[in-house]
PDB file of N, CA and C in Angstrom:
ATOM      1  N   UNK A   1    -108.700 309.435 163.737  1.00  0.00           N
ATOM      2  CA  UNK A   1    -108.546 308.225 164.657  1.00  0.00           C
ATOM      3  C   UNK A   1    -109.395 307.070 164.334  1.00  0.00           C
ATOM      4  N   UNK A   2    -110.079 306.940 163.833  1.00  0.00           N
ATOM      5  CA  UNK A   2    -111.148 306.275 163.105  1.00  0.00           C
ATOM      6  C   UNK A   2    -110.711 305.366 162.647  1.00  0.00           C
ATOM      7  N   UNK A   3    -109.104 305.249 161.668  1.00  0.00           N
ATOM      8  CA  UNK A   3    -108.356 304.156 161.101  1.00  0.00           C
ATOM      9  C   UNK A   3    -107.250 303.736 161.796  1.00  0.00           C
ATOM     10  N   UNK A   4    -107.298 304.487 162.904  1.00  0.00           N
ATOM     11  CA  UNK A   4    -105.737 304.081 163.803  1.00  0.00           C
ATOM     12  C   UNK A   4    -105.798 302.662 164.693  1.00  0.00           C
ATOM     13  N   UNK A   5    -104.805 302.408 164.598  1.00  0.00           N
ATOM     14  CA  UNK A   5    -104.768 301.049 165.412  1.00  0.00           C
ATOM     15  C   UNK A   5    -105.633 301.017 167.016  1.00  0.00           C
ATOM     16  N   UNK A   6    -106.515 299.970 167.232  1.00  0.00           N
ATOM     17  CA  UNK A   6    -106.832 300.005 168.276  1.00  0.00           C
ATOM     18  C   UNK A   6    -105.869 299.943 169.469  1.00  0.00           C
ATOM     19  N   UNK A   7    -105.051 299.185 169.133  1.00  0.00           N
ATOM     20  CA  UNK A   7    -103.686 298.954 170.584  1.00  0.00           C
ATOM     21  C   UNK A   7    -103.676 299.778 171.924  1.00  0.00           C
ATOM     22  N   UNK A   8    -103.067 301.271 171.743  1.00  0.00           N
ATOM     23  CA  UNK A   8    -103.475 302.276 172.772  1.00  0.00           C
ATOM     24  C   UNK A   8    -104.895 303.100 173.070  1.00  0.00           C
ATOM     25  N   UNK A   9    -105.773 302.363 172.924  1.00  0.00           N
ATOM     26  CA  UNK A   9    -106.926 302.331 173.515  1.00  0.00           C
ATOM     27  C   UNK A   9    -107.967 301.908 174.366  1.00  0.00           C
ATOM     28  N   UNK A  10    -107.134 300.329 173.784  1.00  0.00           N
ATOM     29  CA  UNK A  10    -107.749 299.505 174.661  1.00  0.00           C
ATOM     30  C   UNK A  10    -106.498 299.170 175.751  1.00  0.00           C
ATOM     31  N   UNK A  11    -105.379 299.061 175.556  1.00  0.00           N
ATOM     32  CA  UNK A  11    -104.086 299.500 176.873  1.00  0.00           C
ATOM     33  C   UNK A  11    -104.451 300.579 178.113  1.00  0.00           C
ATOM     34  N   UNK A  12    -105.090 301.624 177.060  1.00  0.00           N
ATOM     35  CA  UNK A  12    -105.198 302.369 178.661  1.00  0.00           C
ATOM     36  C   UNK A  12    -106.539 302.489 179.240  1.00  0.00           C
ATOM     37  N   UNK A  13    -107.503 301.672 178.162  1.00  0.00           N
ATOM     38  CA  UNK A  13    -108.647 300.965 179.443  1.00  0.00           C
ATOM     39  C   UNK A  13    -108.768 299.963 179.943  1.00  0.00           C
ATOM     40  N   UNK A  14    -107.231 299.532 179.877  1.00  0.00           N
ATOM     41  CA  UNK A  14    -107.525 298.128 181.022  1.00  0.00           C
ATOM     42  C   UNK A  14    -106.570 298.930 181.965  1.00  0.00           C
ATOM     43  N   UNK A  15    -105.736 300.081 181.479  1.00  0.00           N
ATOM     44  CA  UNK A  15    -104.819 300.526 183.059  1.00  0.00           C
ATOM     45  C   UNK A  15    -106.298 301.172 183.541  1.00  0.00           C
ATOM     46  N   UNK A  16    -107.429 301.790 183.175  1.00  0.00           N
ATOM     47  CA  UNK A  16    -108.039 302.456 184.649  1.00  0.00           C
ATOM     48  C   UNK A  16    -108.443 301.946 184.772  1.00  0.00           C
ATOM     49  N   UNK A  17    -109.186 300.670 184.074  1.00  0.00           N
ATOM     50  CA  UNK A  17    -109.506 299.105 184.749  1.00  0.00           C
ATOM     51  C   UNK A  17    -109.475 299.015 186.067  1.00  0.00           C
ATOM     52  N   UNK A  18    -107.552 298.917 185.737  1.00  0.00           N
ATOM     53  CA  UNK A  18    -106.919 298.272 187.463  1.00  0.00           C
ATOM     54  C   UNK A  18    -106.575 299.228 188.277  1.00  0.00           C
ATOM     55  N   UNK A  19    -106.833 300.489 187.623  1.00  0.00           N
ATOM     56  CA  UNK A  19    -106.509 302.392 188.678  1.00  0.00           C
ATOM     57  C   UNK A  19    -107.775 301.241 189.377  1.00  0.00           C
ATOM     58  N   UNK A  20    -109.147 301.339 189.019  1.00  0.00           N
ATOM     59  CA  UNK A  20    -110.763 301.147 190.109  1.00  0.00           C
ATOM     60  C   UNK A  20    -110.342 300.129 190.417  1.00  0.00           C
ATOM     61  N   UNK A  21    -109.116 299.116 190.322  1.00  0.00           N
ATOM     62  CA  UNK A  21    -109.786 297.682 191.225  1.00  0.00           C
ATOM     63  C   UNK A  21    -109.097 298.384 192.465  1.00  0.00           C
ATOM     64  N   UNK A  22    -108.179 298.731 192.568  1.00  0.00           N
ATOM     65  CA  UNK A  22    -106.848 298.633 193.442  1.00  0.00           C
ATOM     66  C   UNK A  22    -108.137 300.064 194.429  1.00  0.00           C
ATOM     67  N   UNK A  23    -108.195 301.180 193.091  1.00  0.00           N
ATOM     68  CA  UNK A  23    -109.542 301.982 194.461  1.00  0.00           C
ATOM     69  C   UNK A  23    -110.589 301.218 195.286  1.00  0.00           C
ATOM     70  N   UNK A  24    -110.939 300.356 194.804  1.00  0.00           N
ATOM     71  CA  UNK A  24    -111.894 299.516 194.542  1.00  0.00           C
ATOM     72  C   UNK A  24    -111.682 298.472 195.908  1.00  0.00           C
ATOM     73  N   UNK A  25    -110.811 298.689 195.816  1.00  0.00           N
ATOM     74  CA  UNK A  25    -109.908 297.599 197.074  1.00  0.00           C
ATOM     75  C   UNK A  25    -110.057 298.532 198.392  1.00  0.00           C
ATOM     76  N   UNK A  26    -109.150 299.447 197.814  1.00  0.00           N
ATOM     77  CA  UNK A  26    -109.178 299.974 199.314  1.00  0.00           C
ATOM     78  C   UNK A  26    -110.228 300.894 199.763  1.00  0.00           C
ATOM     79  N   UNK A  27    -111.844 301.447 198.943  1.00  0.00           N
ATOM     80  CA  UNK A  27    -112.788 301.671 199.531  1.00  0.00           C
ATOM     81  C   UNK A  27    -113.189 300.851 200.210  1.00  0.00           C
ATOM     82  N   UNK A  28    -113.463 299.575 199.783  1.00  0.00           N
ATOM     83  CA  UNK A  28    -113.971 298.567 200.593  1.00  0.00           C
ATOM     84  C   UNK A  28    -113.938 297.726 202.160  1.00  0.00           C
ATOM     85  N   UNK A  29    -112.320 298.445 202.335  1.00  0.00           N
ATOM     86  CA  UNK A  29    -111.541 297.783 203.395  1.00  0.00           C
ATOM     87  C   UNK A  29    -112.150 299.082 204.229  1.00  0.00           C
ATOM     88  N   UNK A  30    -112.272 300.643 203.564  1.00  0.00           N
ATOM     89  CA  UNK A  30    -112.465 301.249 204.542  1.00  0.00           C
ATOM     90  C   UNK A  30    -114.074 301.527 204.667  1.00  0.00           C
ATOM     91  N   UNK A  31    -115.012 300.722 203.980  1.00  0.00           N
ATOM     92  CA  UNK A  31    -116.601 300.775 204.194  1.00  0.00           C
ATOM     93  C   UNK A  31    -116.818 299.518 204.839  1.00  0.00           C
ATOM     94  N   UNK A  32    -116.175 299.021 204.964  1.00  0.00           N
ATOM     95  CA  UNK A  32    -116.758 297.222 205.502  1.00  0.00           C
ATOM     96  C   UNK A  32    -116.112 297.238 206.890  1.00  0.00           C
ATOM     97  N   UNK A  33    -114.795 298.051 207.527  1.00  0.00           N
ATOM     98  CA  UNK A  33    -114.286 298.152 208.808  1.00  0.00           C
ATOM     99  C   UNK A  33    -114.152 299.401 209.582  1.00  0.00           C
ATOM    100  N   UNK A  34    -114.634 300.484 209.149  1.00  0.00           N
ATOM    101  CA  UNK A  34    -114.532 301.859 209.289  1.00  0.00           C
ATOM    102  C   UNK A  34    -115.776 302.276 209.404  1.00  0.00           C
ATOM    103  N   UNK A  35    -116.440 302.563 208.493  1.00  0.00           N
ATOM    104  CA  UNK A  35    -117.681 303.243 208.561  1.00  0.00           C
ATOM    105  C   UNK A  35    -118.803 302.862 209.149  1.00  0.00           C
ATOM    106  N   UNK A  36    -118.924 300.942 208.165  1.00  0.00           N
ATOM    107  CA  UNK A  36    -120.171 300.213 208.656  1.00  0.00           C
ATOM    108  C   UNK A  36    -120.297 299.558 210.362  1.00  0.00           C
ATOM    109  N   UNK A  37    -118.532 299.276 210.673  1.00  0.00           N
ATOM    110  CA  UNK A  37    -119.082 298.891 211.979  1.00  0.00           C
ATOM    111  C   UNK A  37    -120.149 299.057 212.976  1.00  0.00           C
ATOM    112  N   UNK A  38    -120.028 300.772 213.154  1.00  0.00           N
ATOM    113  CA  UNK A  38    -120.946 301.376 213.664  1.00  0.00           C
ATOM    114  C   UNK A  38    -122.995 301.856 213.337  1.00  0.00           C
ATOM    115  N   UNK A  39    -122.701 300.976 212.251  1.00  0.00           N
ATOM    116  CA  UNK A  39    -124.126 301.439 211.834  1.00  0.00           C
ATOM    117  C   UNK A  39    -124.892 299.556 211.400  1.00  0.00           C
ATOM    118  N   UNK A  40    -123.952 298.778 211.711  1.00  0.00           N
ATOM    119  CA  UNK A  40    -124.343 297.492 211.663  1.00  0.00           C
ATOM    120  C   UNK A  40    -124.574 296.959 213.094  1.00  0.00           C
ATOM    121  N   UNK A  41    -125.727 295.690 213.278  1.00  0.00           N
ATOM    122  CA  UNK A  41    -125.765 295.090 214.860  1.00  0.00           C
ATOM    123  C   UNK A  41    -124.237 294.237 214.467  1.00  0.00           C
ATOM    124  N   UNK A  42    -124.032 293.896 216.033  1.00  0.00           N
ATOM    125  CA  UNK A  42    -122.760 292.488 216.119  1.00  0.00           C
ATOM    126  C   UNK A  42    -122.594 291.351 215.187  1.00  0.00           C
ATOM    127  N   UNK A  43    -123.598 290.892 214.702  1.00  0.00           N
ATOM    128  CA  UNK A  43    -123.642 289.814 214.279  1.00  0.00           C
ATOM    129  C   UNK A  43    -123.357 290.160 212.664  1.00  0.00           C
ATOM    130  N   UNK A  44    -123.994 291.584 212.385  1.00  0.00           N
ATOM    131  CA  UNK A  44    -123.818 291.306 210.893  1.00  0.00           C
ATOM    132  C   UNK A  44    -122.699 292.360 210.621  1.00  0.00           C
ATOM    133  N   UNK A  45    -121.103 292.532 211.569  1.00  0.00           N
ATOM    134  CA  UNK A  45    -120.312 293.083 211.309  1.00  0.00           C
ATOM    135  C   UNK A  45    -118.965 292.470 210.425  1.00  0.00           C
ATOM    136  N   UNK A  46    -118.677 292.766 209.523  1.00  0.00           N
ATOM    137  CA  UNK A  46    -117.436 292.067 209.164  1.00  0.00           C
ATOM    138  C   UNK A  46    -116.781 291.159 210.142  1.00  0.00           C
ATOM    139  N   UNK A  47    -115.624 290.355 209.738  1.00  0.00           N
ATOM    140  CA  UNK A  47    -114.980 289.831 211.184  1.00  0.00           C
ATOM    141  C   UNK A  47    -113.724 289.754 210.061  1.00  0.00           C
ATOM    142  N   UNK A  48    -112.826 289.917 211.512  1.00  0.00           N
ATOM    143  CA  UNK A  48    -110.937 289.676 210.434  1.00  0.00           C
ATOM    144  C   UNK A  48    -110.527 289.119 209.955  1.00  0.00           C
ATOM    145  N   UNK A  49    -110.855 287.756 209.317  1.00  0.00           N
ATOM    146  CA  UNK A  49    -110.844 287.359 207.863  1.00  0.00           C
ATOM    147  C   UNK A  49    -110.785 287.915 207.043  1.00  0.00           C
ATOM    148  N   UNK A  50    -112.117 288.290 206.910  1.00  0.00           N
ATOM    149  CA  UNK A  50    -112.321 289.146 206.063  1.00  0.00           C
ATOM    150  C   UNK A  50    -111.487 290.589 205.716  1.00  0.00           C
ATOM    151  N   UNK A  51    -110.788 291.135 206.888  1.00  0.00           N
ATOM    152  CA  UNK A  51    -110.353 292.551 206.452  1.00  0.00           C
ATOM    153  C   UNK A  51    -109.121 291.126 206.260  1.00  0.00           C
ATOM    154  N   UNK A  52    -108.426 290.625 206.343  1.00  0.00           N
ATOM    155  CA  UNK A  52    -107.296 289.659 206.300  1.00  0.00           C
ATOM    156  C   UNK A  52    -107.643 289.647 204.523  1.00  0.00           C
ATOM    157  N   UNK A  53    -108.228 289.005 204.283  1.00  0.00           N
ATOM    158  CA  UNK A  53    -108.433 288.486 202.923  1.00  0.00           C
ATOM    159  C   UNK A  53    -108.314 289.998 201.510  1.00  0.00           C
ATOM    160  N   UNK A  54    -109.047 290.809 202.354  1.00  0.00           N
ATOM    161  CA  UNK A  54    -109.534 292.227 201.877  1.00  0.00           C
ATOM    162  C   UNK A  54    -107.749 293.142 201.911  1.00  0.00           C
ATOM    163  N   UNK A  55    -107.202 292.832 203.213  1.00  0.00           N
ATOM    164  CA  UNK A  55    -105.733 293.435 202.499  1.00  0.00           C
ATOM    165  C   UNK A  55    -104.700 292.885 201.899  1.00  0.00           C
ATOM    166  N   UNK A  56    -104.587 291.372 201.679  1.00  0.00           N
ATOM    167  CA  UNK A  56    -104.113 290.647 201.503  1.00  0.00           C
ATOM    168  C   UNK A  56    -104.410 290.823 199.735  1.00  0.00           C
ATOM    169  N   UNK A  57    -105.392 291.309 199.277  1.00  0.00           N
ATOM    170  CA  UNK A  57    -105.879 291.453 198.230  1.00  0.00           C
ATOM    171  C   UNK A  57    -105.024 293.044 197.680  1.00  0.00           C
ATOM    172  N   UNK A  58    -105.834 293.896 198.000  1.00  0.00           N
ATOM    173  CA  UNK A  58    -105.795 294.887 198.179  1.00  0.00           C
ATOM    174  C   UNK A  58    -103.595 294.986 198.072  1.00  0.00           C
ATOM    175  N   UNK A  59    -102.788 294.480 199.189  1.00  0.00           N
ATOM    176  CA  UNK A  59    -101.910 294.356 198.973  1.00  0.00           C
ATOM    177  C   UNK A  59    -101.114 294.018 197.154  1.00  0.00           C
ATOM    178  N   UNK A  60    -101.569 292.786 196.199  1.00  0.00           N
ATOM    179  CA  UNK A  60    -101.159 291.943 195.748  1.00  0.00           C
ATOM    180  C   UNK A  60    -101.404 293.002 194.292  1.00  0.00           C
ATOM    181  N   UNK A  61    -102.791 294.233 194.691  1.00  0.00           N
ATOM    182  CA  UNK A  61    -103.329 294.713 193.393  1.00  0.00           C
ATOM    183  C   UNK A  61    -102.233 295.615 193.389  1.00  0.00           C
ATOM    184  N   UNK A  62    -102.073 296.428 194.551  1.00  0.00           N
ATOM    185  CA  UNK A  62    -100.695 297.506 194.749  1.00  0.00           C
ATOM    186  C   UNK A  62     -99.665 296.975 194.282  1.00  0.00           C
ATOM    187  N   UNK A  63     -99.314 295.441 194.692  1.00  0.00           N
ATOM    188  CA  UNK A  63     -97.759 294.850 194.307  1.00  0.00           C
ATOM    189  C   UNK A  63     -98.082 295.019 192.506  1.00  0.00           C
ATOM    190  N   UNK A  64     -99.121 294.476 191.647  1.00  0.00           N
ATOM    191  CA  UNK A  64     -98.839 294.521 190.721  1.00  0.00           C
ATOM    192  C   UNK A  64     -98.768 295.810 189.654  1.00  0.00           C
ATOM    193  N   UNK A  65     -99.287 297.067 190.661  1.00  0.00           N
ATOM    194  CA  UNK A  65     -99.625 298.571 189.863  1.00  0.00           C
ATOM    195  C   UNK A  65     -98.303 298.945 189.951  1.00  0.00           C
ATOM    196  N   UNK A  66     -97.101 298.654 190.906  1.00  0.00           N
ATOM    197  CA  UNK A  66     -95.986 298.746 191.131  1.00  0.00           C
ATOM    198  C   UNK A  66     -95.108 298.387 189.862  1.00  0.00           C
ATOM    199  N   UNK A  67     -95.377 297.316 189.636  1.00  0.00           N
ATOM    200  CA  UNK A  67     -94.452 296.308 188.928  1.00  0.00           C
ATOM    201  C   UNK A  67     -94.729 297.322 187.183  1.00  0.00           C
ATOM    202  N   UNK A  68     -96.419 296.960 187.060  1.00  0.00           N
ATOM    203  CA  UNK A  68     -96.493 297.646 185.526  1.00  0.00           C
ATOM    204  C   UNK A  68     -95.925 298.743 186.002  1.00  0.00           C
ATOM    205  N   UNK A  69     -95.647 300.131 186.462  1.00  0.00           N
ATOM    206  CA  UNK A  69     -95.258 301.000 186.511  1.00  0.00           C
ATOM    207  C   UNK A  69     -94.278 301.125 185.812  1.00  0.00           C
ATOM    208  N   UNK A  70     -93.517 299.716 186.742  1.00  0.00           N
ATOM    209  CA  UNK A  70     -91.409 300.075 186.231  1.00  0.00           C
ATOM    210  C   UNK A  70     -91.398 299.398 185.682  1.00  0.00           C
ATOM    211  N   UNK A  71     -92.289 298.510 185.153  1.00  0.00           N
ATOM    212  CA  UNK A  71     -92.563 298.237 183.596  1.00  0.00           C
ATOM    213  C   UNK A  71     -92.148 299.244 182.783  1.00  0.00           C
ATOM    214  N   UNK A  72     -93.117 300.110 182.830  1.00  0.00           N
ATOM    215  CA  UNK A  72     -93.239 301.198 181.719  1.00  0.00           C
ATOM    216  C   UNK A  72     -92.399 302.086 181.243  1.00  0.00           C
ATOM    217  N   UNK A  73     -92.250 302.111 182.936  1.00  0.00           N
ATOM    218  CA  UNK A  73     -91.300 303.416 182.522  1.00  0.00           C
ATOM    219  C   UNK A  73     -89.906 302.736 181.976  1.00  0.00           C
ATOM    220  N   UNK A  74     -89.568 301.402 182.392  1.00  0.00           N
ATOM    221  CA  UNK A  74     -88.076 300.831 181.859  1.00  0.00           C
ATOM    222  C   UNK A  74     -87.134 300.368 183.028  1.00  0.00           C
ATOM    223  N   UNK A  75     -88.017 301.081 184.314  1.00  0.00           N
ATOM    224  CA  UNK A  75     -86.991 301.033 185.169  1.00  0.00           C
ATOM    225  C   UNK A  75     -86.596 299.124 185.747  1.00  0.00           C
ATOM    226  N   UNK A  76     -88.002 298.182 185.359  1.00  0.00           N
ATOM    227  CA  UNK A  76     -87.175 297.091 185.276  1.00  0.00           C
ATOM    228  C   UNK A  76     -86.970 295.998 183.955  1.00  0.00           C
TER     229      UNK A  76
END
């Protein structure tokens, strides 16, 4: 393994990072709009615009993940 090509390891690392990005986005929506508002004063709560942009980012990441999986499996 010491003298193998680094390509597969780099690809695996990128995929793990991408999955982490998708999970982080979903967790951020849950944290900011489900859990924290109960514990914050009204002035510090995140607004609707924040939710819209976080949902857009989550949707974009999910679409990219699906596109990648379909490409890797040969369906596209």
